[in-house]
Amino acid sequence: SGAVIDPVGLDKLLPGWRGEETPVLTPVT
């Protein structure tokens, strides 16, 4: 996939993911 992802799905599935070590590293600037 491209991929630019909208995190709405992750926020709903794993609400605490932003405080963990994940491969979601690069926000669109």
PDB file of all heavy atoms in Angstrom:
ATOM      1  N   SER A   1       0.858  -1.183   0.000  1.00  0.00           N
ATOM      2  CA  SER A   1       0.000   0.000   0.000  1.00  0.00           C
ATOM      3  C   SER A   1       0.886   1.221   0.000  1.00  0.00           C
ATOM      4  O   SER A   1       2.082   1.126   0.277  1.00  0.00           O
ATOM      5  CB  SER A   1      -0.897   0.009   1.236  1.00  0.00           C
ATOM      6  OG  SER A   1      -1.784   1.111   1.222  1.00  0.00           O
ATOM      7  N   GLY A   2       0.335   2.406  -0.266  1.00  0.00           N
ATOM      8  CA  GLY A   2       1.113   3.630  -0.400  1.00  0.00           C
ATOM      9  C   GLY A   2       2.183   3.862   0.645  1.00  0.00           C
ATOM     10  O   GLY A   2       3.355   3.829   0.333  1.00  0.00           O
ATOM     11  N   ALA A   3       1.939   4.109   1.889  1.00  0.00           N
ATOM     12  CA  ALA A   3       0.616   4.289   2.441  1.00  0.00           C
ATOM     13  C   ALA A   3       0.657   5.495   3.383  1.00  0.00           C
ATOM     14  O   ALA A   3       1.527   5.589   4.237  1.00  0.00           O
ATOM     15  CB  ALA A   3       0.188   3.063   3.236  1.00  0.00           C
ATOM     16  N   VAL A   4      -0.314   6.386   3.152  1.00  0.00           N
ATOM     17  CA  VAL A   4      -0.657   7.370   4.168  1.00  0.00           C
ATOM     18  C   VAL A   4      -1.923   6.858   4.832  1.00  0.00           C
ATOM     19  O   VAL A   4      -2.924   6.624   4.162  1.00  0.00           O
ATOM     20  CB  VAL A   4      -0.877   8.770   3.565  1.00  0.00           C
ATOM     21  CG1 VAL A   4      -1.475   9.710   4.595  1.00  0.00           C
ATOM     22  CG2 VAL A   4       0.433   9.339   3.033  1.00  0.00           C
ATOM     23  N   ILE A   5      -1.865   6.666   6.142  1.00  0.00           N
ATOM     24  CA  ILE A   5      -3.030   6.099   6.824  1.00  0.00           C
ATOM     25  C   ILE A   5      -3.706   7.155   7.695  1.00  0.00           C
ATOM     26  O   ILE A   5      -3.060   7.999   8.293  1.00  0.00           O
ATOM     27  CB  ILE A   5      -2.665   4.872   7.686  1.00  0.00           C
ATOM     28  CG1 ILE A   5      -1.733   5.249   8.842  1.00  0.00           C
ATOM     29  CG2 ILE A   5      -2.057   3.775   6.840  1.00  0.00           C
ATOM     30  CD1 ILE A   5      -1.613   4.167   9.901  1.00  0.00           C
ATOM     31  N   ASP A   6      -5.019   7.070   7.702  1.00  0.00           N
ATOM     32  CA  ASP A   6      -5.833   7.826   8.639  1.00  0.00           C
ATOM     33  C   ASP A   6      -5.887   6.996   9.918  1.00  0.00           C
ATOM     34  O   ASP A   6      -6.324   5.836   9.886  1.00  0.00           O
ATOM     35  CB  ASP A   6      -7.230   8.008   8.042  1.00  0.00           C
ATOM     36  CG  ASP A   6      -8.162   8.833   8.915  1.00  0.00           C
ATOM     37  OD1 ASP A   6      -7.936   8.887  10.137  1.00  0.00           O
ATOM     38  OD2 ASP A   6      -9.131   9.403   8.380  1.00  0.00           O
ATOM     39  N   PRO A   7      -5.431   7.521  11.063  1.00  0.00           N
ATOM     40  CA  PRO A   7      -5.332   6.699  12.282  1.00  0.00           C
ATOM     41  C   PRO A   7      -6.654   6.460  12.991  1.00  0.00           C
ATOM     42  O   PRO A   7      -6.653   5.892  14.094  1.00  0.00           O
ATOM     43  CB  PRO A   7      -4.380   7.508  13.157  1.00  0.00           C
ATOM     44  CG  PRO A   7      -4.621   8.928  12.760  1.00  0.00           C
ATOM     45  CD  PRO A   7      -4.907   8.887  11.276  1.00  0.00           C
ATOM     46  N   VAL A   8      -7.773   6.853  12.403  1.00  0.00           N
ATOM     47  CA  VAL A   8      -9.048   6.708  13.091  1.00  0.00           C
ATOM     48  C   VAL A   8      -9.315   5.255  13.472  1.00  0.00           C
ATOM     49  O   VAL A   8      -9.871   4.973  14.545  1.00  0.00           O
ATOM     50  CB  VAL A   8     -10.203   7.283  12.230  1.00  0.00           C
ATOM     51  CG1 VAL A   8     -10.336   6.555  10.902  1.00  0.00           C
ATOM     52  CG2 VAL A   8     -11.521   7.233  12.980  1.00  0.00           C
ATOM     53  N   GLY A   9      -8.916   4.310  12.602  1.00  0.00           N
ATOM     54  CA  GLY A   9      -9.129   2.904  12.918  1.00  0.00           C
ATOM     55  C   GLY A   9      -8.275   2.434  14.078  1.00  0.00           C
ATOM     56  O   GLY A   9      -8.754   1.749  14.994  1.00  0.00           O
ATOM     57  N   LEU A  10      -7.005   2.809  14.056  1.00  0.00           N
ATOM     58  CA  LEU A  10      -6.111   2.434  15.152  1.00  0.00           C
ATOM     59  C   LEU A  10      -6.552   3.053  16.473  1.00  0.00           C
ATOM     60  O   LEU A  10      -6.480   2.420  17.530  1.00  0.00           O
ATOM     61  CB  LEU A  10      -4.679   2.865  14.839  1.00  0.00           C
ATOM     62  CG  LEU A  10      -3.939   2.092  13.744  1.00  0.00           C
ATOM     63  CD1 LEU A  10      -2.554   2.665  13.548  1.00  0.00           C
ATOM     64  CD2 LEU A  10      -3.862   0.605  14.085  1.00  0.00           C
ATOM     65  N   ASP A  11      -7.013   4.303  16.411  1.00  0.00           N
ATOM     66  CA  ASP A  11      -7.459   4.972  17.640  1.00  0.00           C
ATOM     67  C   ASP A  11      -8.616   4.217  18.283  1.00  0.00           C
ATOM     68  O   ASP A  11      -8.723   4.153  19.514  1.00  0.00           O
ATOM     69  CB  ASP A  11      -7.903   6.406  17.323  1.00  0.00           C
ATOM     70  CG  ASP A  11      -6.725   7.328  17.027  1.00  0.00           C
ATOM     71  OD1 ASP A  11      -5.603   7.007  17.434  1.00  0.00           O
ATOM     72  OD2 ASP A  11      -6.942   8.363  16.369  1.00  0.00           O
ATOM     73  N   LYS A  12      -9.460   3.653  17.452  1.00  0.00           N
ATOM     74  CA  LYS A  12     -10.619   2.938  17.974  1.00  0.00           C
ATOM     75  C   LYS A  12     -10.254   1.522  18.422  1.00  0.00           C
ATOM     76  O   LYS A  12     -10.770   1.033  19.436  1.00  0.00           O
ATOM     77  CB  LYS A  12     -11.724   2.879  16.904  1.00  0.00           C
ATOM     78  CG  LYS A  12     -13.073   2.443  17.427  1.00  0.00           C
ATOM     79  CD  LYS A  12     -14.163   2.664  16.378  1.00  0.00           C
ATOM     80  CE  LYS A  12     -15.538   2.283  16.932  1.00  0.00           C
ATOM     81  NZ  LYS A  12     -16.613   2.507  15.933  1.00  0.00           N
ATOM     82  N   LEU A  13      -9.349   0.881  17.690  1.00  0.00           N
ATOM     83  CA  LEU A  13      -8.970  -0.505  18.009  1.00  0.00           C
ATOM     84  C   LEU A  13      -8.028  -0.576  19.201  1.00  0.00           C
ATOM     85  O   LEU A  13      -8.204  -1.416  20.093  1.00  0.00           O
ATOM     86  CB  LEU A  13      -8.302  -1.143  16.779  1.00  0.00           C
ATOM     87  CG  LEU A  13      -7.809  -2.584  16.941  1.00  0.00           C
ATOM     88  CD1 LEU A  13      -8.981  -3.532  17.125  1.00  0.00           C
ATOM     89  CD2 LEU A  13      -6.970  -3.003  15.725  1.00  0.00           C
ATOM     90  N   LEU A  14      -7.022   0.308  19.211  1.00  0.00           N
ATOM     91  CA  LEU A  14      -5.983   0.282  20.244  1.00  0.00           C
ATOM     92  C   LEU A  14      -5.785   1.701  20.768  1.00  0.00           C
ATOM     93  O   LEU A  14      -4.841   2.394  20.375  1.00  0.00           O
ATOM     94  CB  LEU A  14      -4.676  -0.264  19.673  1.00  0.00           C
ATOM     95  CG  LEU A  14      -4.721  -1.689  19.095  1.00  0.00           C
ATOM     96  CD1 LEU A  14      -3.475  -1.977  18.280  1.00  0.00           C
ATOM     97  CD2 LEU A  14      -4.893  -2.720  20.210  1.00  0.00           C
ATOM     98  N   PRO A  15      -6.667   2.173  21.629  1.00  0.00           N
ATOM     99  CA  PRO A  15      -6.647   3.589  22.030  1.00  0.00           C
ATOM    100  C   PRO A  15      -5.320   4.088  22.596  1.00  0.00           C
ATOM    101  O   PRO A  15      -5.006   5.265  22.482  1.00  0.00           O
ATOM    102  CB  PRO A  15      -7.755   3.658  23.092  1.00  0.00           C
ATOM    103  CG  PRO A  15      -8.661   2.504  22.792  1.00  0.00           C
ATOM    104  CD  PRO A  15      -7.778   1.433  22.264  1.00  0.00           C
ATOM    105  N   GLY A  16      -4.507   3.208  23.150  1.00  0.00           N
ATOM    106  CA  GLY A  16      -3.254   3.654  23.748  1.00  0.00           C
ATOM    107  C   GLY A  16      -2.043   3.515  22.844  1.00  0.00           C
ATOM    108  O   GLY A  16      -0.912   3.663  23.303  1.00  0.00           O
ATOM    109  N   TRP A  17      -2.263   3.279  21.549  1.00  0.00           N
ATOM    110  CA  TRP A  17      -1.134   2.960  20.661  1.00  0.00           C
ATOM    111  C   TRP A  17      -0.113   4.095  20.554  1.00  0.00           C
ATOM    112  O   TRP A  17       1.081   3.851  20.362  1.00  0.00           O
ATOM    113  CB  TRP A  17      -1.637   2.587  19.270  1.00  0.00           C
ATOM    114  CG  TRP A  17      -2.186   3.729  18.450  1.00  0.00           C
ATOM    115  CD1 TRP A  17      -3.483   4.138  18.417  1.00  0.00           C
ATOM    116  CD2 TRP A  17      -1.457   4.573  17.560  1.00  0.00           C
ATOM    117  NE1 TRP A  17      -3.615   5.209  17.556  1.00  0.00           N
ATOM    118  CE2 TRP A  17      -2.388   5.498  17.012  1.00  0.00           C
ATOM    119  CE3 TRP A  17      -0.125   4.672  17.173  1.00  0.00           C
ATOM    120  CZ2 TRP A  17      -2.018   6.485  16.103  1.00  0.00           C
ATOM    121  CZ3 TRP A  17       0.241   5.651  16.249  1.00  0.00           C
ATOM    122  CH2 TRP A  17      -0.697   6.539  15.730  1.00  0.00           C
ATOM    123  N   ARG A  18      -0.564   5.343  20.686  1.00  0.00           N
ATOM    124  CA  ARG A  18       0.358   6.475  20.515  1.00  0.00           C
ATOM    125  C   ARG A  18       1.423   6.537  21.606  1.00  0.00           C
ATOM    126  O   ARG A  18       2.458   7.173  21.413  1.00  0.00           O
ATOM    127  CB  ARG A  18      -0.432   7.790  20.476  1.00  0.00           C
ATOM    128  CG  ARG A  18      -1.337   7.914  19.262  1.00  0.00           C
ATOM    129  CD  ARG A  18      -2.260   9.112  19.357  1.00  0.00           C
ATOM    130  NE  ARG A  18      -3.303   9.081  18.352  1.00  0.00           N
ATOM    131  CZ  ARG A  18      -3.221   9.679  17.169  1.00  0.00           C
ATOM    132  NH1 ARG A  18      -2.131  10.358  16.857  1.00  0.00           N
ATOM    133  NH2 ARG A  18      -4.216   9.602  16.308  1.00  0.00           N
ATOM    134  N   GLY A  19       1.179   5.893  22.723  1.00  0.00           N
ATOM    135  CA  GLY A  19       2.169   5.882  23.792  1.00  0.00           C
ATOM    136  C   GLY A  19       3.089   4.684  23.753  1.00  0.00           C
ATOM    137  O   GLY A  19       3.894   4.484  24.670  1.00  0.00           O
ATOM    138  N   GLU A  20       2.990   3.872  22.697  1.00  0.00           N
ATOM    139  CA  GLU A  20       3.797   2.663  22.579  1.00  0.00           C
ATOM    140  C   GLU A  20       4.848   2.815  21.480  1.00  0.00           C
ATOM    141  O   GLU A  20       4.815   3.754  20.684  1.00  0.00           O
ATOM    142  CB  GLU A  20       2.890   1.469  22.247  1.00  0.00           C
ATOM    143  CG  GLU A  20       1.796   1.205  23.259  1.00  0.00           C
ATOM    144  CD  GLU A  20       0.910   0.047  22.829  1.00  0.00           C
ATOM    145  OE1 GLU A  20       1.320  -0.704  21.907  1.00  0.00           O
ATOM    146  OE2 GLU A  20      -0.189  -0.111  23.392  1.00  0.00           O
ATOM    147  N   GLU A  21       5.743   1.848  21.418  1.00  0.00           N
ATOM    148  CA  GLU A  21       6.699   1.771  20.310  1.00  0.00           C
ATOM    149  C   GLU A  21       6.016   1.081  19.144  1.00  0.00           C
ATOM    150  O   GLU A  21       5.642  -0.095  19.243  1.00  0.00           O
ATOM    151  CB  GLU A  21       7.950   1.000  20.731  1.00  0.00           C
ATOM    152  CG  GLU A  21       9.027   0.969  19.655  1.00  0.00           C
ATOM    153  CD  GLU A  21      10.294   0.285  20.127  1.00  0.00           C
ATOM    154  OE1 GLU A  21      10.489   0.205  21.365  1.00  0.00           O
ATOM    155  OE2 GLU A  21      11.064  -0.166  19.276  1.00  0.00           O
ATOM    156  N   THR A  22       5.827   1.799  18.057  1.00  0.00           N
ATOM    157  CA  THR A  22       5.089   1.278  16.908  1.00  0.00           C
ATOM    158  C   THR A  22       5.825   1.640  15.623  1.00  0.00           C
ATOM    159  O   THR A  22       6.725   2.481  15.622  1.00  0.00           O
ATOM    160  CB  THR A  22       3.668   1.885  16.833  1.00  0.00           C
ATOM    161  OG1 THR A  22       3.755   3.224  16.311  1.00  0.00           O
ATOM    162  CG2 THR A  22       2.986   1.909  18.187  1.00  0.00           C
ATOM    163  N   PRO A  23       5.411   1.046  14.491  1.00  0.00           N
ATOM    164  CA  PRO A  23       5.976   1.428  13.192  1.00  0.00           C
ATOM    165  C   PRO A  23       5.280   2.649  12.583  1.00  0.00           C
ATOM    166  O   PRO A  23       5.556   3.008  11.431  1.00  0.00           O
ATOM    167  CB  PRO A  23       5.760   0.181  12.328  1.00  0.00           C
ATOM    168  CG  PRO A  23       4.544  -0.455  12.905  1.00  0.00           C
ATOM    169  CD  PRO A  23       4.567  -0.161  14.380  1.00  0.00           C
ATOM    170  N   VAL A  24       4.388   3.267  13.327  1.00  0.00           N
ATOM    171  CA  VAL A  24       3.686   4.472  12.857  1.00  0.00           C
ATOM    172  C   VAL A  24       4.506   5.667  13.331  1.00  0.00           C
ATOM    173  O   VAL A  24       4.299   6.197  14.427  1.00  0.00           O
ATOM    174  CB  VAL A  24       2.244   4.523  13.390  1.00  0.00           C
ATOM    175  CG1 VAL A  24       1.494   5.711  12.794  1.00  0.00           C
ATOM    176  CG2 VAL A  24       1.512   3.219  13.063  1.00  0.00           C
ATOM    177  N   LEU A  25       5.467   6.104  12.503  1.00  0.00           N
ATOM    178  CA  LEU A  25       6.511   7.014  12.962  1.00  0.00           C
ATOM    179  C   LEU A  25       6.481   8.403  12.341  1.00  0.00           C
ATOM    180  O   LEU A  25       6.963   9.353  12.949  1.00  0.00           O
ATOM    181  CB  LEU A  25       7.892   6.385  12.670  1.00  0.00           C
ATOM    182  CG  LEU A  25       8.184   5.041  13.325  1.00  0.00           C
ATOM    183  CD1 LEU A  25       9.500   4.486  12.792  1.00  0.00           C
ATOM    184  CD2 LEU A  25       8.227   5.168  14.831  1.00  0.00           C
ATOM    185  N   THR A  26       5.947   8.530  11.123  1.00  0.00           N
ATOM    186  CA  THR A  26       6.141   9.769  10.366  1.00  0.00           C
ATOM    187  C   THR A  26       4.822  10.482  10.106  1.00  0.00           C
ATOM    188  O   THR A  26       4.071  10.095   9.200  1.00  0.00           O
ATOM    189  CB  THR A  26       6.840   9.475   9.021  1.00  0.00           C
ATOM    190  OG1 THR A  26       8.033   8.721   9.261  1.00  0.00           O
ATOM    191  CG2 THR A  26       7.180  10.766   8.290  1.00  0.00           C
ATOM    192  N   PRO A  27       4.501  11.502  10.886  1.00  0.00           N
ATOM    193  CA  PRO A  27       3.285  12.273  10.599  1.00  0.00           C
ATOM    194  C   PRO A  27       3.455  13.089   9.326  1.00  0.00           C
ATOM    195  O   PRO A  27       4.559  13.537   8.991  1.00  0.00           O
ATOM    196  CB  PRO A  27       3.141  13.181  11.829  1.00  0.00           C
ATOM    197  CG  PRO A  27       4.528  13.318  12.361  1.00  0.00           C
ATOM    198  CD  PRO A  27       5.235  12.029  12.064  1.00  0.00           C
ATOM    199  N   VAL A  28       2.357  13.257   8.598  1.00  0.00           N
ATOM    200  CA  VAL A  28       2.392  14.112   7.406  1.00  0.00           C
ATOM    201  C   VAL A  28       2.599  15.556   7.849  1.00  0.00           C
ATOM    202  O   VAL A  28       1.867  16.065   8.704  1.00  0.00           O
ATOM    203  CB  VAL A  28       1.094  13.981   6.593  1.00  0.00           C
ATOM    204  CG1 VAL A  28       1.093  14.972   5.421  1.00  0.00           C
ATOM    205  CG2 VAL A  28       0.931  12.554   6.072  1.00  0.00           C
ATOM    206  N   THR A  29       3.605  16.194   7.269  1.00  0.00           N
ATOM    207  CA  THR A  29       3.903  17.589   7.621  1.00  0.00           C
ATOM    208  C   THR A  29       3.556  18.552   6.498  1.00  0.00           C
ATOM    209  O   THR A  29       3.436  19.761   6.738  1.00  0.00           O
ATOM    210  CB  THR A  29       5.394  17.745   7.958  1.00  0.00           C
ATOM    211  OG1 THR A  29       6.183  17.287   6.848  1.00  0.00           O
ATOM    212  CG2 THR A  29       5.751  16.935   9.195  1.00  0.00           C
TER     213      THR A  29
END
